[in-house]
N, C-alpha and C. Protein backbone atom coordinates (compact mmCIF):
# COMPACT_ATOMS: atom_id res chain seq x y z
N MET A 1 130.80 114.99 81.41
CA MET A 1 129.83 113.99 80.97
C MET A 1 128.71 114.72 80.25
N SER A 2 128.23 114.15 79.18
CA SER A 2 127.04 114.70 78.54
C SER A 2 126.12 113.54 78.20
N GLY A 3 125.49 113.02 79.21
CA GLY A 3 124.59 111.89 79.07
C GLY A 3 123.15 112.35 79.03
N VAL A 4 122.28 111.42 79.32
CA VAL A 4 120.85 111.71 79.37
C VAL A 4 120.53 112.35 80.72
N LEU A 5 119.70 113.37 80.69
CA LEU A 5 119.22 114.00 81.92
C LEU A 5 117.97 113.29 82.40
N TYR A 6 117.84 113.16 83.70
CA TYR A 6 116.67 112.55 84.32
C TYR A 6 116.13 113.49 85.39
N MET A 7 114.82 113.76 85.32
CA MET A 7 114.15 114.45 86.41
C MET A 7 113.71 113.37 87.38
N ILE A 8 114.20 113.44 88.59
CA ILE A 8 113.86 112.48 89.63
C ILE A 8 112.93 113.18 90.60
N ILE A 9 111.73 112.67 90.74
CA ILE A 9 110.80 113.21 91.72
C ILE A 9 110.84 112.27 92.92
N GLU A 10 111.29 112.81 94.04
CA GLU A 10 111.44 112.02 95.26
C GLU A 10 110.36 112.44 96.25
N ARG A 11 109.53 111.50 96.62
CA ARG A 11 108.51 111.76 97.64
C ARG A 11 108.98 111.09 98.93
N PHE A 12 109.26 111.91 99.93
CA PHE A 12 109.77 111.38 101.20
C PHE A 12 108.68 110.59 101.90
N ARG A 13 109.02 109.38 102.33
CA ARG A 13 108.05 108.51 103.02
C ARG A 13 107.48 109.24 104.23
N ASP A 14 106.18 109.15 104.38
CA ASP A 14 105.45 109.81 105.46
C ASP A 14 105.68 111.32 105.47
N GLY A 15 106.11 111.88 104.33
CA GLY A 15 106.35 113.32 104.25
C GLY A 15 107.47 113.79 105.16
N ASP A 16 108.38 112.88 105.51
CA ASP A 16 109.41 113.18 106.52
C ASP A 16 110.79 113.29 105.87
N ALA A 17 111.32 114.49 105.79
CA ALA A 17 112.63 114.74 105.20
C ALA A 17 113.78 114.42 106.15
N VAL A 18 113.52 114.37 107.45
CA VAL A 18 114.59 114.21 108.44
C VAL A 18 115.43 112.95 108.20
N PRO A 19 114.83 111.76 108.04
CA PRO A 19 115.67 110.58 107.82
C PRO A 19 116.50 110.66 106.53
N VAL A 20 115.95 111.30 105.51
CA VAL A 20 116.65 111.44 104.25
C VAL A 20 117.88 112.33 104.44
N TYR A 21 117.68 113.47 105.06
CA TYR A 21 118.79 114.39 105.25
C TYR A 21 119.79 113.87 106.29
N ARG A 22 119.36 113.08 107.22
CA ARG A 22 120.28 112.45 108.17
C ARG A 22 121.21 111.49 107.43
N ARG A 23 120.64 110.64 106.56
CA ARG A 23 121.47 109.71 105.79
C ARG A 23 122.41 110.48 104.86
N PHE A 24 121.89 111.51 104.22
CA PHE A 24 122.72 112.32 103.32
C PHE A 24 123.90 112.93 104.09
N ARG A 25 123.62 113.44 105.28
CA ARG A 25 124.69 114.01 106.12
C ARG A 25 125.73 112.96 106.46
N ASP A 26 125.26 111.76 106.82
CA ASP A 26 126.16 110.72 107.31
C ASP A 26 126.88 109.96 106.20
N ARG A 27 126.21 109.79 105.04
CA ARG A 27 126.77 108.90 104.01
C ARG A 27 126.91 109.53 102.63
N GLY A 28 126.43 110.76 102.48
CA GLY A 28 126.53 111.42 101.18
C GLY A 28 125.39 111.00 100.25
N ARG A 29 125.53 111.34 98.99
CA ARG A 29 124.47 111.11 98.00
C ARG A 29 124.32 109.64 97.65
N LEU A 30 125.35 108.84 97.84
CA LEU A 30 125.34 107.40 97.56
C LEU A 30 125.14 107.09 96.08
N ALA A 31 125.55 108.01 95.23
CA ALA A 31 125.43 107.81 93.78
C ALA A 31 126.62 106.99 93.29
N PRO A 32 126.36 106.00 92.45
CA PRO A 32 127.47 105.23 91.89
C PRO A 32 128.28 106.08 90.90
N GLU A 33 129.53 105.67 90.69
CA GLU A 33 130.39 106.33 89.71
C GLU A 33 129.69 106.32 88.36
N GLY A 34 129.66 107.48 87.70
CA GLY A 34 129.00 107.58 86.40
C GLY A 34 127.61 108.20 86.46
N LEU A 35 127.11 108.45 87.67
CA LEU A 35 125.83 109.14 87.84
C LEU A 35 126.14 110.50 88.45
N ARG A 36 125.81 111.55 87.73
CA ARG A 36 126.18 112.90 88.15
C ARG A 36 124.97 113.70 88.61
N TYR A 37 125.09 114.28 89.80
CA TYR A 37 124.09 115.21 90.33
C TYR A 37 124.21 116.52 89.57
N VAL A 38 123.06 117.08 89.12
CA VAL A 38 123.05 118.36 88.41
C VAL A 38 122.50 119.46 89.30
N ALA A 39 121.30 119.27 89.84
CA ALA A 39 120.66 120.30 90.68
C ALA A 39 119.44 119.69 91.36
N SER A 40 118.96 120.38 92.41
CA SER A 40 117.73 119.91 93.05
C SER A 40 116.99 121.07 93.70
N TRP A 41 115.69 120.84 93.90
CA TRP A 41 114.80 121.80 94.54
C TRP A 41 113.89 121.02 95.47
N ILE A 42 113.60 121.59 96.61
CA ILE A 42 112.75 120.95 97.62
C ILE A 42 111.49 121.80 97.81
N THR A 43 110.34 121.15 97.90
CA THR A 43 109.12 121.91 98.16
C THR A 43 109.22 122.60 99.52
N ARG A 44 108.52 123.68 99.66
CA ARG A 44 108.61 124.46 100.90
C ARG A 44 108.16 123.67 102.13
N ASP A 45 107.26 122.70 101.93
CA ASP A 45 106.83 121.89 103.07
C ASP A 45 107.79 120.71 103.33
N MET A 46 108.85 120.62 102.53
CA MET A 46 109.93 119.63 102.69
C MET A 46 109.44 118.19 102.58
N THR A 47 108.51 117.94 101.65
CA THR A 47 108.01 116.57 101.46
C THR A 47 108.42 115.96 100.12
N ILE A 48 108.81 116.82 99.16
CA ILE A 48 109.16 116.35 97.82
C ILE A 48 110.44 117.06 97.36
N CYS A 49 111.30 116.27 96.72
CA CYS A 49 112.52 116.81 96.11
C CYS A 49 112.43 116.58 94.61
N TYR A 50 112.73 117.61 93.84
CA TYR A 50 112.86 117.51 92.39
C TYR A 50 114.35 117.60 92.09
N GLN A 51 114.90 116.54 91.53
CA GLN A 51 116.34 116.45 91.36
C GLN A 51 116.65 116.08 89.92
N VAL A 52 117.67 116.72 89.36
CA VAL A 52 118.13 116.38 88.03
C VAL A 52 119.46 115.65 88.16
N MET A 53 119.52 114.47 87.52
CA MET A 53 120.73 113.66 87.49
C MET A 53 121.06 113.39 86.03
N GLU A 54 122.32 113.03 85.76
CA GLU A 54 122.76 112.79 84.40
C GLU A 54 123.61 111.53 84.35
N THR A 55 123.37 110.70 83.33
CA THR A 55 124.16 109.49 83.13
C THR A 55 123.98 108.96 81.72
N ASP A 56 124.96 108.20 81.27
CA ASP A 56 124.85 107.46 80.01
C ASP A 56 124.30 106.07 80.26
N ASP A 57 124.25 105.65 81.51
CA ASP A 57 123.86 104.28 81.87
C ASP A 57 122.65 104.31 82.79
N PRO A 58 121.43 104.07 82.27
CA PRO A 58 120.23 104.15 83.11
C PRO A 58 120.23 103.14 84.26
N ALA A 59 121.02 102.08 84.17
CA ALA A 59 121.09 101.12 85.28
C ALA A 59 121.65 101.78 86.54
N LEU A 60 122.44 102.83 86.38
CA LEU A 60 123.00 103.53 87.53
C LEU A 60 121.91 104.23 88.35
N ILE A 61 120.85 104.67 87.66
CA ILE A 61 119.72 105.29 88.36
C ILE A 61 119.11 104.27 89.32
N SER A 62 118.90 103.06 88.85
CA SER A 62 118.33 102.00 89.70
C SER A 62 119.24 101.67 90.88
N GLN A 63 120.54 101.60 90.62
CA GLN A 63 121.47 101.33 91.72
C GLN A 63 121.36 102.40 92.79
N TRP A 64 121.27 103.65 92.35
CA TRP A 64 121.20 104.77 93.30
C TRP A 64 119.86 104.76 94.06
N THR A 65 118.74 104.60 93.33
CA THR A 65 117.44 104.64 94.01
C THR A 65 117.28 103.47 94.97
N ASP A 66 117.89 102.32 94.66
CA ASP A 66 117.83 101.18 95.59
C ASP A 66 118.42 101.53 96.95
N ARG A 67 119.40 102.41 96.97
CA ARG A 67 120.07 102.80 98.21
C ARG A 67 119.22 103.74 99.07
N TRP A 68 118.16 104.27 98.49
CA TRP A 68 117.28 105.22 99.19
C TRP A 68 115.83 104.75 99.27
N SER A 69 115.51 103.64 98.66
CA SER A 69 114.11 103.24 98.51
C SER A 69 113.39 102.94 99.82
N ASP A 70 114.12 102.76 100.91
CA ASP A 70 113.47 102.57 102.21
C ASP A 70 112.94 103.88 102.78
N LEU A 71 113.43 105.01 102.23
CA LEU A 71 113.04 106.33 102.74
C LEU A 71 112.29 107.19 101.73
N VAL A 72 112.39 106.83 100.45
CA VAL A 72 111.89 107.69 99.38
C VAL A 72 111.18 106.86 98.32
N ASP A 73 110.07 107.39 97.80
CA ASP A 73 109.41 106.82 96.62
C ASP A 73 109.84 107.68 95.43
N PHE A 74 110.25 107.02 94.35
CA PHE A 74 110.82 107.72 93.20
C PHE A 74 109.93 107.66 91.97
N GLU A 75 109.95 108.75 91.21
CA GLU A 75 109.42 108.79 89.86
C GLU A 75 110.57 109.29 88.99
N ILE A 76 110.89 108.57 87.92
CA ILE A 76 112.06 108.87 87.10
C ILE A 76 111.60 109.20 85.69
N ILE A 77 111.98 110.39 85.20
CA ILE A 77 111.52 110.86 83.91
C ILE A 77 112.72 111.34 83.10
N PRO A 78 113.03 110.68 81.98
CA PRO A 78 114.08 111.21 81.10
C PRO A 78 113.61 112.55 80.53
N VAL A 79 114.49 113.54 80.56
CA VAL A 79 114.14 114.88 80.07
C VAL A 79 115.27 115.41 79.18
N ARG A 80 114.97 116.51 78.52
CA ARG A 80 116.00 117.22 77.75
C ARG A 80 115.84 118.70 78.04
N THR A 81 116.88 119.45 77.79
CA THR A 81 116.83 120.89 78.03
C THR A 81 115.91 121.55 77.00
N SER A 82 115.48 122.75 77.29
CA SER A 82 114.67 123.52 76.34
C SER A 82 115.46 123.77 75.07
N GLU A 83 116.75 124.04 75.20
CA GLU A 83 117.60 124.27 74.03
C GLU A 83 117.66 123.03 73.13
N GLU A 84 117.81 121.86 73.73
CA GLU A 84 117.82 120.61 72.95
C GLU A 84 116.47 120.38 72.28
N THR A 85 115.39 120.67 72.98
CA THR A 85 114.06 120.50 72.42
C THR A 85 113.83 121.44 71.25
N GLN A 86 114.25 122.68 71.41
CA GLN A 86 114.10 123.67 70.33
C GLN A 86 114.85 123.20 69.09
N ALA A 87 116.08 122.71 69.24
CA ALA A 87 116.86 122.23 68.10
C ALA A 87 116.20 121.02 67.44
N ALA A 88 115.64 120.12 68.25
CA ALA A 88 115.00 118.92 67.71
C ALA A 88 113.71 119.22 66.97
N ILE A 89 112.99 120.22 67.43
CA ILE A 89 111.68 120.51 66.83
C ILE A 89 111.76 121.55 65.71
N ALA A 90 112.86 122.28 65.63
CA ALA A 90 113.00 123.36 64.64
C ALA A 90 112.70 122.90 63.22
N PRO A 91 113.16 121.74 62.76
CA PRO A 91 112.86 121.33 61.38
C PRO A 91 111.37 121.11 61.12
N LYS A 92 110.58 120.95 62.14
CA LYS A 92 109.14 120.71 61.98
C LYS A 92 108.33 121.99 62.01
N LEU A 93 108.97 123.09 62.30
CA LEU A 93 108.26 124.37 62.41
C LEU A 93 108.07 125.04 61.05
């Protein structure tokens, strides 16, 4: 898949990662078909996750976040790689 990349900032409700990781352990990522996990990083205090997902269908992001919205507050930002940005801006340099 080579869709749009999204930086997903997940703020765990009450700063508590335990319920999030418990659900992940028991039920998996809960991502719909067509939404691909790329990578993620968790703050050292385990209150925020920075996750990159990829899809051609932005509605899939909403389907996925709805499955976690009782435990996580989301910020969703479409992003591009540095390489893509360099290619897009090169003609203006």
